[in-house]
């Protein structure tokens, strides 16, 4: 019981002595002498001429920011985007092929004839759907543009992250079992 109180007393004594030495040492300095030189005179400003500062000789060209061709740094790139005209806006309901993504469809048959070409795509359920040139297909408003030997080309329009409309041509190759 005696030991903890003795430690506390000795610690308190050491801290008190150190604080007293610091205070005595700081007060021993002489005060700083300030020399007064008198009131200041008026400042001399450069003479102004009728010319603009940019037209004075020796003036350096300064950089000026031109925002042309650059995205607005204060506009959110996550802002509400305009809706791309979809197939439903022309007054007709969407077909089943327009409700599926192109990755959900497999090309299983192609028929090339002199009268016209057609192909058949299969969905995940295993059901087949015939397509011809101009058939709307896919979620992004895609349209069949070419039916060739072994592949079908589909043109889609979509918006990139900057909001620009980009046309992309996707090729579905013949599914082989």
N, C-alpha and C. Protein backbone atom coordinates (compact mmCIF):
# COMPACT_ATOMS: atom_id res chain seq x y z
N UNK A 1 0.81 -1.19 0.00
CA UNK A 1 0.00 0.00 0.00
C UNK A 1 0.85 1.26 0.00
N UNK A 2 1.99 1.14 0.63
CA UNK A 2 2.88 2.28 0.74
C UNK A 2 3.59 2.55 -0.57
N UNK A 3 3.88 1.54 -1.35
CA UNK A 3 4.64 1.69 -2.59
C UNK A 3 3.93 2.54 -3.64
N UNK A 4 2.65 2.29 -3.98
CA UNK A 4 2.02 3.09 -5.04
C UNK A 4 1.95 4.57 -4.68
N UNK A 5 1.69 4.90 -3.44
CA UNK A 5 1.61 6.32 -3.09
C UNK A 5 3.00 6.96 -3.13
N UNK A 6 4.04 6.19 -2.81
CA UNK A 6 5.41 6.71 -2.85
C UNK A 6 5.82 6.99 -4.30
N UNK A 7 5.42 6.11 -5.22
CA UNK A 7 5.72 6.33 -6.65
C UNK A 7 5.00 7.57 -7.16
N UNK A 8 3.75 7.72 -6.77
CA UNK A 8 2.99 8.88 -7.21
C UNK A 8 3.63 10.17 -6.70
N UNK A 9 4.05 10.16 -5.45
CA UNK A 9 4.67 11.36 -4.88
C UNK A 9 5.98 11.69 -5.58
N UNK A 10 6.80 10.69 -5.86
CA UNK A 10 8.09 10.96 -6.52
C UNK A 10 7.86 11.43 -7.96
N UNK A 11 6.89 10.88 -8.66
CA UNK A 11 6.58 11.32 -10.02
C UNK A 11 6.07 12.76 -10.01
N UNK A 12 5.22 13.08 -9.06
CA UNK A 12 4.71 14.44 -8.95
C UNK A 12 5.84 15.43 -8.66
N UNK A 13 6.77 15.05 -7.82
CA UNK A 13 7.90 15.91 -7.47
C UNK A 13 8.79 16.16 -8.68
N UNK A 14 9.05 15.13 -9.48
CA UNK A 14 9.90 15.27 -10.68
C UNK A 14 9.24 16.20 -11.69
N UNK A 15 7.95 16.02 -11.94
CA UNK A 15 7.24 16.86 -12.91
C UNK A 15 7.21 18.31 -12.43
N UNK A 16 7.02 18.54 -11.16
CA UNK A 16 6.99 19.90 -10.62
C UNK A 16 8.34 20.58 -10.75
N UNK A 17 9.42 19.88 -10.47
CA UNK A 17 10.76 20.45 -10.58
C UNK A 17 11.08 20.79 -12.03
N UNK A 18 10.74 19.93 -12.97
CA UNK A 18 10.99 20.20 -14.39
C UNK A 18 10.20 21.41 -14.87
N UNK A 19 8.95 21.54 -14.45
CA UNK A 19 8.14 22.69 -14.85
C UNK A 19 8.72 23.98 -14.28
N UNK A 20 9.20 23.95 -13.04
CA UNK A 20 9.79 25.14 -12.43
C UNK A 20 11.06 25.54 -13.17
N UNK A 21 11.90 24.58 -13.55
CA UNK A 21 13.12 24.89 -14.29
C UNK A 21 12.81 25.50 -15.66
N UNK A 22 11.80 25.00 -16.31
CA UNK A 22 11.41 25.56 -17.61
C UNK A 22 10.94 27.00 -17.47
N UNK A 23 10.15 27.28 -16.47
CA UNK A 23 9.65 28.64 -16.28
C UNK A 23 10.77 29.61 -15.90
N UNK A 24 11.71 29.17 -15.08
CA UNK A 24 12.83 30.04 -14.68
C UNK A 24 13.74 30.29 -15.87
N UNK A 25 13.98 29.25 -16.67
CA UNK A 25 14.86 29.41 -17.83
C UNK A 25 14.26 30.32 -18.88
N UNK A 26 12.97 30.33 -19.06
CA UNK A 26 12.33 31.15 -20.08
C UNK A 26 12.28 32.61 -19.67
N UNK A 27 12.21 32.89 -18.39
CA UNK A 27 12.09 34.28 -17.96
C UNK A 27 13.45 34.98 -17.87
N UNK A 28 14.54 34.29 -18.03
CA UNK A 28 15.87 34.87 -17.90
C UNK A 28 16.30 35.66 -19.12
N UNK A 29 15.63 35.59 -20.27
CA UNK A 29 16.04 36.30 -21.47
C UNK A 29 15.76 37.79 -21.32
N UNK A 30 16.60 38.58 -21.97
CA UNK A 30 16.37 40.02 -21.98
C UNK A 30 15.27 40.34 -22.96
N UNK A 31 14.49 41.39 -22.73
CA UNK A 31 13.42 41.75 -23.67
C UNK A 31 14.02 42.23 -25.00
N UNK A 32 13.31 41.99 -26.07
CA UNK A 32 13.76 42.37 -27.40
C UNK A 32 13.59 43.87 -27.56
N UNK A 33 14.63 44.54 -28.08
CA UNK A 33 14.56 45.98 -28.27
C UNK A 33 14.01 46.27 -29.65
N UNK A 34 13.05 47.19 -29.74
CA UNK A 34 12.44 47.57 -31.01
C UNK A 34 12.96 48.95 -31.37
N UNK A 35 13.45 49.08 -32.58
CA UNK A 35 13.98 50.37 -33.03
C UNK A 35 12.93 51.03 -33.90
N UNK A 36 12.54 52.24 -33.54
CA UNK A 36 11.53 52.98 -34.29
C UNK A 36 12.23 53.88 -35.29
N UNK A 37 11.89 53.75 -36.58
CA UNK A 37 12.56 54.52 -37.62
C UNK A 37 11.74 55.72 -38.08
N UNK A 38 10.55 55.88 -37.61
CA UNK A 38 9.71 57.00 -38.03
C UNK A 38 8.63 56.54 -39.01
N UNK A 39 7.75 57.46 -39.41
CA UNK A 39 6.66 57.08 -40.31
C UNK A 39 7.18 56.79 -41.72
N UNK A 40 6.51 55.91 -42.40
CA UNK A 40 6.88 55.58 -43.77
C UNK A 40 6.34 56.64 -44.72
N UNK A 41 7.05 56.81 -45.79
CA UNK A 41 6.59 57.74 -46.82
C UNK A 41 5.60 57.05 -47.75
N UNK A 42 4.95 57.81 -48.61
CA UNK A 42 3.99 57.20 -49.53
C UNK A 42 4.71 56.31 -50.55
N UNK A 43 4.05 55.24 -50.95
CA UNK A 43 4.64 54.33 -51.93
C UNK A 43 4.53 54.93 -53.32
N UNK A 44 5.50 54.58 -54.14
CA UNK A 44 5.45 55.02 -55.52
C UNK A 44 4.86 53.90 -56.36
N UNK A 45 3.77 54.21 -57.06
CA UNK A 45 3.13 53.23 -57.93
C UNK A 45 3.64 53.41 -59.34
N UNK A 46 3.66 52.34 -60.13
CA UNK A 46 4.10 52.50 -61.52
C UNK A 46 3.12 53.39 -62.27
N UNK A 47 3.66 54.17 -63.17
CA UNK A 47 2.83 55.12 -63.92
C UNK A 47 1.91 54.35 -64.85
N UNK A 48 0.64 54.72 -64.85
CA UNK A 48 -0.34 54.09 -65.72
C UNK A 48 -0.43 54.86 -67.02
N UNK A 49 -0.42 54.13 -68.12
CA UNK A 49 -0.58 54.76 -69.42
C UNK A 49 -1.95 54.39 -69.96
N UNK A 50 -2.34 54.95 -71.06
CA UNK A 50 -3.64 54.70 -71.66
C UNK A 50 -3.73 53.33 -72.30
N UNK A 51 -2.63 52.60 -72.38
CA UNK A 51 -2.64 51.29 -73.03
C UNK A 51 -3.11 50.23 -72.04
N UNK A 52 -3.67 49.16 -72.60
CA UNK A 52 -4.06 48.01 -71.78
C UNK A 52 -2.78 47.29 -71.35
N UNK A 53 -2.80 46.62 -70.22
CA UNK A 53 -1.59 45.93 -69.75
C UNK A 53 -1.07 44.89 -70.73
N UNK A 54 -1.96 44.28 -71.55
CA UNK A 54 -1.51 43.25 -72.49
C UNK A 54 -0.72 43.85 -73.65
N UNK A 55 -0.95 45.13 -73.97
CA UNK A 55 -0.30 45.72 -75.14
C UNK A 55 1.01 46.41 -74.79
N UNK A 56 1.40 46.42 -73.53
CA UNK A 56 2.65 47.06 -73.17
C UNK A 56 3.81 46.20 -73.65
N UNK A 57 4.89 46.84 -74.09
CA UNK A 57 6.03 46.04 -74.55
C UNK A 57 6.64 45.27 -73.38
N UNK A 58 7.07 44.07 -73.67
CA UNK A 58 7.70 43.24 -72.65
C UNK A 58 6.71 42.40 -71.87
N UNK A 59 5.41 42.58 -72.11
CA UNK A 59 4.42 41.77 -71.40
C UNK A 59 4.41 40.36 -71.99
N UNK A 60 4.36 39.37 -71.13
CA UNK A 60 4.37 37.98 -71.59
C UNK A 60 2.94 37.54 -71.92
N UNK A 61 2.84 36.65 -72.90
CA UNK A 61 1.54 36.07 -73.22
C UNK A 61 1.16 35.13 -72.08
N UNK A 62 -0.09 35.23 -71.65
CA UNK A 62 -0.55 34.36 -70.57
C UNK A 62 -1.44 33.28 -71.16
N UNK A 63 -1.54 32.17 -70.46
CA UNK A 63 -2.35 31.05 -70.90
C UNK A 63 -3.81 31.37 -70.68
N UNK A 64 -4.63 31.08 -71.67
CA UNK A 64 -6.07 31.24 -71.54
C UNK A 64 -6.73 29.90 -71.81
N UNK A 65 -7.64 29.51 -70.93
CA UNK A 65 -8.33 28.23 -71.06
C UNK A 65 -9.40 28.34 -72.13
N UNK A 66 -9.41 27.40 -73.04
CA UNK A 66 -10.42 27.34 -74.08
C UNK A 66 -11.23 26.06 -73.88
N UNK A 67 -12.51 26.17 -73.53
CA UNK A 67 -13.30 24.97 -73.25
C UNK A 67 -13.82 24.25 -74.49
N UNK A 68 -13.50 24.74 -75.68
CA UNK A 68 -14.02 24.12 -76.90
C UNK A 68 -13.46 22.71 -77.07
N UNK A 69 -14.35 21.78 -77.34
CA UNK A 69 -13.95 20.40 -77.57
C UNK A 69 -13.63 19.62 -76.31
N UNK A 70 -13.86 20.21 -75.15
CA UNK A 70 -13.57 19.53 -73.88
C UNK A 70 -14.88 19.34 -73.12
N UNK A 71 -15.00 18.25 -72.35
CA UNK A 71 -16.22 18.07 -71.57
C UNK A 71 -16.28 19.07 -70.42
N UNK A 72 -17.50 19.42 -70.04
CA UNK A 72 -17.69 20.35 -68.94
C UNK A 72 -17.28 19.66 -67.63
N UNK A 73 -16.26 20.18 -66.91
CA UNK A 73 -15.79 19.50 -65.70
C UNK A 73 -16.78 19.56 -64.55
N UNK A 74 -17.78 20.45 -64.64
CA UNK A 74 -18.72 20.61 -63.54
C UNK A 74 -20.03 19.85 -63.79
N UNK A 75 -20.17 19.22 -64.96
CA UNK A 75 -21.36 18.45 -65.27
C UNK A 75 -21.09 16.98 -64.96
N UNK A 76 -22.00 16.37 -64.25
CA UNK A 76 -21.82 14.98 -63.86
C UNK A 76 -21.91 14.08 -65.08
N UNK A 77 -20.98 13.12 -65.18
CA UNK A 77 -21.05 12.18 -66.28
C UNK A 77 -22.09 11.10 -65.98
N UNK A 78 -22.64 11.13 -64.78
CA UNK A 78 -23.71 10.21 -64.41
C UNK A 78 -25.08 10.87 -64.54
N UNK A 79 -25.12 12.03 -65.21
CA UNK A 79 -26.36 12.78 -65.34
C UNK A 79 -27.39 11.97 -66.12
N UNK A 80 -28.62 12.42 -66.05
CA UNK A 80 -29.70 11.74 -66.75
C UNK A 80 -29.42 11.80 -68.24
N UNK A 81 -29.47 10.66 -68.88
CA UNK A 81 -29.17 10.58 -70.30
C UNK A 81 -30.46 10.61 -71.11
N UNK A 82 -30.35 11.12 -72.33
CA UNK A 82 -31.51 11.12 -73.21
C UNK A 82 -31.79 9.69 -73.64
N UNK A 83 -33.04 9.41 -73.89
CA UNK A 83 -33.44 8.07 -74.29
C UNK A 83 -33.25 7.93 -75.79
N UNK A 84 -32.63 6.85 -76.20
CA UNK A 84 -32.48 6.57 -77.63
C UNK A 84 -33.83 6.12 -78.16
N UNK A 85 -34.21 6.63 -79.32
CA UNK A 85 -35.49 6.18 -79.86
C UNK A 85 -35.50 4.66 -80.03
N UNK A 86 -36.45 4.02 -79.39
CA UNK A 86 -36.56 2.57 -79.45
C UNK A 86 -37.62 2.18 -80.48
N UNK A 87 -37.72 0.90 -80.73
CA UNK A 87 -38.66 0.40 -81.72
C UNK A 87 -40.10 0.67 -81.31
N UNK A 88 -40.37 0.79 -80.02
CA UNK A 88 -41.73 0.95 -79.54
C UNK A 88 -42.25 2.36 -79.82
N UNK A 89 -41.40 3.34 -80.05
CA UNK A 89 -41.83 4.71 -80.23
C UNK A 89 -42.48 4.96 -81.58
N UNK A 90 -42.33 4.05 -82.53
CA UNK A 90 -42.96 4.27 -83.83
C UNK A 90 -44.40 3.76 -83.87
N UNK A 91 -44.96 3.44 -82.73
CA UNK A 91 -46.38 3.10 -82.66
C UNK A 91 -46.68 1.62 -82.68
N UNK A 92 -45.71 0.77 -82.82
CA UNK A 92 -45.98 -0.66 -82.85
C UNK A 92 -45.40 -1.31 -81.60
N UNK A 93 -45.99 -2.39 -81.15
CA UNK A 93 -45.44 -3.07 -79.96
C UNK A 93 -44.16 -3.81 -80.31
N UNK A 94 -43.34 -4.06 -79.30
CA UNK A 94 -42.09 -4.78 -79.51
C UNK A 94 -42.38 -6.26 -79.76
N UNK A 95 -41.58 -6.83 -80.64
CA UNK A 95 -41.68 -8.27 -80.87
C UNK A 95 -40.88 -9.00 -79.79
N UNK A 96 -41.03 -10.33 -79.76
CA UNK A 96 -40.30 -11.12 -78.76
C UNK A 96 -38.79 -11.00 -78.97
N UNK A 97 -38.34 -10.94 -80.22
CA UNK A 97 -36.90 -10.84 -80.49
C UNK A 97 -36.33 -9.50 -80.02
N UNK A 98 -37.17 -8.46 -79.92
CA UNK A 98 -36.70 -7.16 -79.44
C UNK A 98 -36.60 -7.10 -77.92
N UNK A 99 -37.13 -8.08 -77.24
CA UNK A 99 -37.04 -8.11 -75.77
C UNK A 99 -35.86 -8.94 -75.29
N UNK A 100 -35.14 -9.57 -76.22
CA UNK A 100 -33.99 -10.40 -75.86
C UNK A 100 -32.69 -9.69 -76.21
N UNK A 101 -31.67 -9.93 -75.41
CA UNK A 101 -30.34 -9.44 -75.73
C UNK A 101 -29.75 -10.35 -76.81
N UNK A 102 -28.86 -9.80 -77.64
CA UNK A 102 -28.27 -10.60 -78.71
C UNK A 102 -27.45 -11.77 -78.18
N UNK A 103 -26.92 -11.64 -76.97
CA UNK A 103 -26.13 -12.74 -76.40
C UNK A 103 -27.02 -13.93 -76.02
N UNK A 104 -28.33 -13.73 -75.93
CA UNK A 104 -29.25 -14.81 -75.59
C UNK A 104 -29.70 -15.60 -76.82
N UNK A 105 -29.31 -15.14 -78.00
CA UNK A 105 -29.74 -15.78 -79.24
C UNK A 105 -28.58 -16.49 -79.91
N UNK A 106 -28.85 -17.66 -80.48
CA UNK A 106 -27.86 -18.42 -81.25
C UNK A 106 -28.36 -18.54 -82.68
N UNK A 107 -27.48 -18.35 -83.64
CA UNK A 107 -27.82 -18.53 -85.05
C UNK A 107 -27.69 -20.02 -85.36
N UNK A 108 -28.82 -20.63 -85.81
CA UNK A 108 -28.79 -22.09 -86.02
C UNK A 108 -28.96 -22.49 -87.47
N UNK A 109 -29.46 -21.58 -88.33
CA UNK A 109 -29.66 -21.96 -89.73
C UNK A 109 -29.60 -20.73 -90.62
N UNK A 110 -29.08 -20.91 -91.84
CA UNK A 110 -29.05 -19.85 -92.84
C UNK A 110 -29.50 -20.47 -94.16
N UNK A 111 -30.42 -19.80 -94.84
CA UNK A 111 -30.88 -20.26 -96.14
C UNK A 111 -30.65 -19.12 -97.13
N UNK A 112 -29.82 -19.37 -98.14
CA UNK A 112 -29.52 -18.38 -99.17
C UNK A 112 -30.22 -18.80 -100.46
N UNK A 113 -31.13 -17.97 -100.97
CA UNK A 113 -31.85 -18.26 -102.21
C UNK A 113 -31.77 -17.03 -103.11
N UNK A 114 -32.02 -17.21 -104.42
CA UNK A 114 -32.03 -16.05 -105.31
C UNK A 114 -33.15 -15.06 -104.98
N UNK A 115 -34.28 -15.56 -104.45
CA UNK A 115 -35.40 -14.67 -104.11
C UNK A 115 -35.10 -13.85 -102.85
N UNK A 116 -34.30 -14.34 -101.95
CA UNK A 116 -33.99 -13.66 -100.70
C UNK A 116 -33.43 -14.64 -99.68
N UNK A 117 -32.68 -14.13 -98.77
CA UNK A 117 -32.06 -14.98 -97.77
C UNK A 117 -32.81 -14.84 -96.45
N UNK A 118 -32.80 -15.88 -95.66
CA UNK A 118 -33.35 -15.82 -94.32
C UNK A 118 -32.53 -16.71 -93.40
N UNK A 119 -32.67 -16.48 -92.13
CA UNK A 119 -31.91 -17.24 -91.14
C UNK A 119 -32.83 -17.56 -89.97
N UNK A 120 -32.38 -18.44 -89.11
CA UNK A 120 -33.16 -18.79 -87.93
C UNK A 120 -32.28 -18.67 -86.69
N UNK A 121 -32.83 -18.00 -85.67
CA UNK A 121 -32.14 -17.88 -84.39
C UNK A 121 -32.91 -18.66 -83.34
N UNK A 122 -32.17 -19.15 -82.33
CA UNK A 122 -32.77 -19.95 -81.26
C UNK A 122 -32.55 -19.21 -79.94
N UNK A 123 -33.60 -19.13 -79.12
CA UNK A 123 -33.46 -18.50 -77.80
C UNK A 123 -33.06 -19.54 -76.76
N UNK A 124 -33.00 -19.15 -75.50
CA UNK A 124 -32.55 -20.04 -74.42
C UNK A 124 -33.55 -21.17 -74.17
N UNK A 125 -34.82 -20.97 -74.54
CA UNK A 125 -35.83 -22.01 -74.35
C UNK A 125 -35.73 -23.11 -75.40
N UNK A 126 -34.99 -22.82 -76.48
CA UNK A 126 -34.86 -23.79 -77.55
C UNK A 126 -35.81 -23.54 -78.70
N UNK A 127 -36.57 -22.43 -78.66
CA UNK A 127 -37.51 -22.11 -79.72
C UNK A 127 -36.79 -21.34 -80.83
N UNK A 128 -37.14 -21.63 -82.08
CA UNK A 128 -36.51 -20.98 -83.22
C UNK A 128 -37.38 -19.88 -83.78
N UNK A 129 -36.74 -18.81 -84.28
CA UNK A 129 -37.45 -17.67 -84.86
C UNK A 129 -36.78 -17.30 -86.17
N UNK A 130 -37.56 -17.18 -87.26
CA UNK A 130 -36.97 -16.79 -88.54
C UNK A 130 -36.69 -15.29 -88.59
N UNK A 131 -35.59 -14.91 -89.24
CA UNK A 131 -35.26 -13.50 -89.43
C UNK A 131 -34.88 -13.29 -90.89
N UNK A 132 -35.20 -12.11 -91.40
CA UNK A 132 -34.85 -11.72 -92.77
C UNK A 132 -34.19 -10.34 -92.69
N UNK A 133 -33.76 -9.83 -93.85
CA UNK A 133 -33.16 -8.49 -93.90
C UNK A 133 -34.19 -7.47 -93.41
N UNK A 134 -33.81 -6.63 -92.41
CA UNK A 134 -34.70 -5.60 -91.87
C UNK A 134 -35.47 -6.01 -90.63
N UNK A 135 -35.31 -7.22 -90.15
CA UNK A 135 -36.01 -7.68 -88.94
C UNK A 135 -35.42 -6.99 -87.71
N UNK A 136 -36.28 -6.33 -86.89
CA UNK A 136 -35.77 -5.74 -85.64
C UNK A 136 -35.44 -6.84 -84.63
N UNK A 137 -34.28 -6.70 -83.98
CA UNK A 137 -33.81 -7.74 -83.08
C UNK A 137 -32.90 -7.12 -82.02
N UNK A 138 -32.99 -7.57 -80.79
CA UNK A 138 -32.11 -7.11 -79.72
C UNK A 138 -32.68 -5.95 -78.92
N UNK A 139 -32.13 -5.76 -77.73
CA UNK A 139 -32.60 -4.72 -76.81
C UNK A 139 -32.26 -3.31 -77.25
N UNK A 140 -31.18 -3.12 -77.99
CA UNK A 140 -30.73 -1.78 -78.36
C UNK A 140 -31.24 -1.33 -79.72
N UNK A 141 -32.37 -1.84 -80.15
CA UNK A 141 -32.93 -1.41 -81.42
C UNK A 141 -32.14 -1.90 -82.62
N UNK A 142 -31.62 -3.10 -82.56
CA UNK A 142 -30.83 -3.65 -83.66
C UNK A 142 -31.71 -4.05 -84.83
N UNK A 143 -31.11 -4.04 -86.03
CA UNK A 143 -31.80 -4.42 -87.26
C UNK A 143 -30.87 -5.33 -88.05
N UNK A 144 -31.43 -6.39 -88.63
CA UNK A 144 -30.63 -7.30 -89.46
C UNK A 144 -30.31 -6.57 -90.76
N UNK A 145 -29.00 -6.42 -91.08
CA UNK A 145 -28.60 -5.70 -92.29
C UNK A 145 -28.03 -6.61 -93.36
N UNK A 146 -27.44 -7.75 -92.99
CA UNK A 146 -26.87 -8.67 -93.98
C UNK A 146 -27.05 -10.10 -93.50
N UNK A 147 -27.38 -10.95 -94.44
CA UNK A 147 -27.38 -12.39 -94.17
C UNK A 147 -26.42 -13.00 -95.17
N UNK A 148 -25.30 -13.48 -94.68
CA UNK A 148 -24.24 -14.04 -95.53
C UNK A 148 -24.07 -15.52 -95.22
N UNK A 149 -23.21 -16.17 -95.97
CA UNK A 149 -22.94 -17.58 -95.75
C UNK A 149 -22.15 -17.75 -94.44
N UNK A 150 -22.80 -18.29 -93.43
CA UNK A 150 -22.12 -18.56 -92.16
C UNK A 150 -22.28 -17.48 -91.11
N UNK A 151 -22.86 -16.32 -91.44
CA UNK A 151 -23.02 -15.27 -90.42
C UNK A 151 -24.14 -14.30 -90.80
N UNK A 152 -24.63 -13.60 -89.78
CA UNK A 152 -25.66 -12.57 -89.94
C UNK A 152 -25.13 -11.30 -89.29
N UNK A 153 -25.25 -10.16 -89.99
CA UNK A 153 -24.79 -8.87 -89.44
C UNK A 153 -26.00 -8.10 -88.92
N UNK A 154 -25.87 -7.58 -87.70
CA UNK A 154 -26.94 -6.81 -87.04
C UNK A 154 -26.36 -5.46 -86.66
N UNK A 155 -27.06 -4.37 -87.01
CA UNK A 155 -26.60 -3.01 -86.70
C UNK A 155 -27.41 -2.47 -85.53
N UNK A 156 -26.69 -2.02 -84.48
CA UNK A 156 -27.32 -1.47 -83.28
C UNK A 156 -26.83 -0.04 -83.06
N UNK A 157 -27.70 0.79 -82.47
CA UNK A 157 -27.32 2.14 -82.06
C UNK A 157 -27.41 2.19 -80.54
N UNK A 158 -26.36 2.75 -79.91
CA UNK A 158 -26.37 2.89 -78.45
C UNK A 158 -25.58 4.14 -78.08
N UNK A 159 -25.70 4.56 -76.82
CA UNK A 159 -24.98 5.73 -76.33
C UNK A 159 -23.78 5.28 -75.51
N UNK A 160 -22.64 5.97 -75.73
CA UNK A 160 -21.47 5.68 -74.91
C UNK A 160 -21.54 6.50 -73.63
N UNK A 161 -20.50 6.45 -72.82
CA UNK A 161 -20.52 7.12 -71.52
C UNK A 161 -20.53 8.64 -71.65
N UNK A 162 -20.16 9.19 -72.79
CA UNK A 162 -20.21 10.64 -72.99
C UNK A 162 -21.53 11.10 -73.58
N UNK A 163 -22.40 10.17 -73.92
CA UNK A 163 -23.70 10.53 -74.45
C UNK A 163 -23.78 10.57 -75.97
N UNK A 164 -22.71 10.22 -76.65
CA UNK A 164 -22.72 10.21 -78.11
C UNK A 164 -23.37 8.93 -78.61
N UNK A 165 -24.13 9.05 -79.71
CA UNK A 165 -24.75 7.88 -80.31
C UNK A 165 -23.72 7.19 -81.20
N UNK A 166 -23.51 5.91 -80.95
CA UNK A 166 -22.54 5.13 -81.71
C UNK A 166 -23.27 3.97 -82.38
N UNK A 167 -22.98 3.77 -83.65
CA UNK A 167 -23.55 2.65 -84.38
C UNK A 167 -22.54 1.51 -84.39
N UNK A 168 -23.00 0.33 -84.02
CA UNK A 168 -22.11 -0.82 -83.92
C UNK A 168 -22.71 -1.96 -84.73
N UNK A 169 -21.88 -2.63 -85.50
CA UNK A 169 -22.34 -3.77 -86.28
C UNK A 169 -21.84 -5.05 -85.61
N UNK A 170 -22.79 -5.92 -85.27
CA UNK A 170 -22.48 -7.15 -84.57
C UNK A 170 -22.72 -8.32 -85.52
N UNK A 171 -21.81 -9.27 -85.51
CA UNK A 171 -21.96 -10.45 -86.36
C UNK A 171 -22.26 -11.66 -85.48
N UNK A 172 -23.34 -12.36 -85.82
CA UNK A 172 -23.67 -13.62 -85.16
C UNK A 172 -23.23 -14.72 -86.12
N UNK A 173 -22.38 -15.60 -85.65
CA UNK A 173 -21.89 -16.69 -86.50
C UNK A 173 -22.76 -17.92 -86.32
N UNK A 174 -22.74 -18.77 -87.32
CA UNK A 174 -23.58 -19.96 -87.33
C UNK A 174 -23.20 -20.89 -86.18
N UNK A 175 -24.19 -21.27 -85.41
CA UNK A 175 -24.01 -22.15 -84.26
C UNK A 175 -23.83 -23.58 -84.76
N UNK A 176 -22.75 -24.23 -84.37
CA UNK A 176 -22.50 -25.61 -84.80
C UNK A 176 -22.53 -26.52 -83.59
N UNK A 177 -23.25 -27.62 -83.70
CA UNK A 177 -23.36 -28.57 -82.58
C UNK A 177 -22.30 -29.63 -82.66
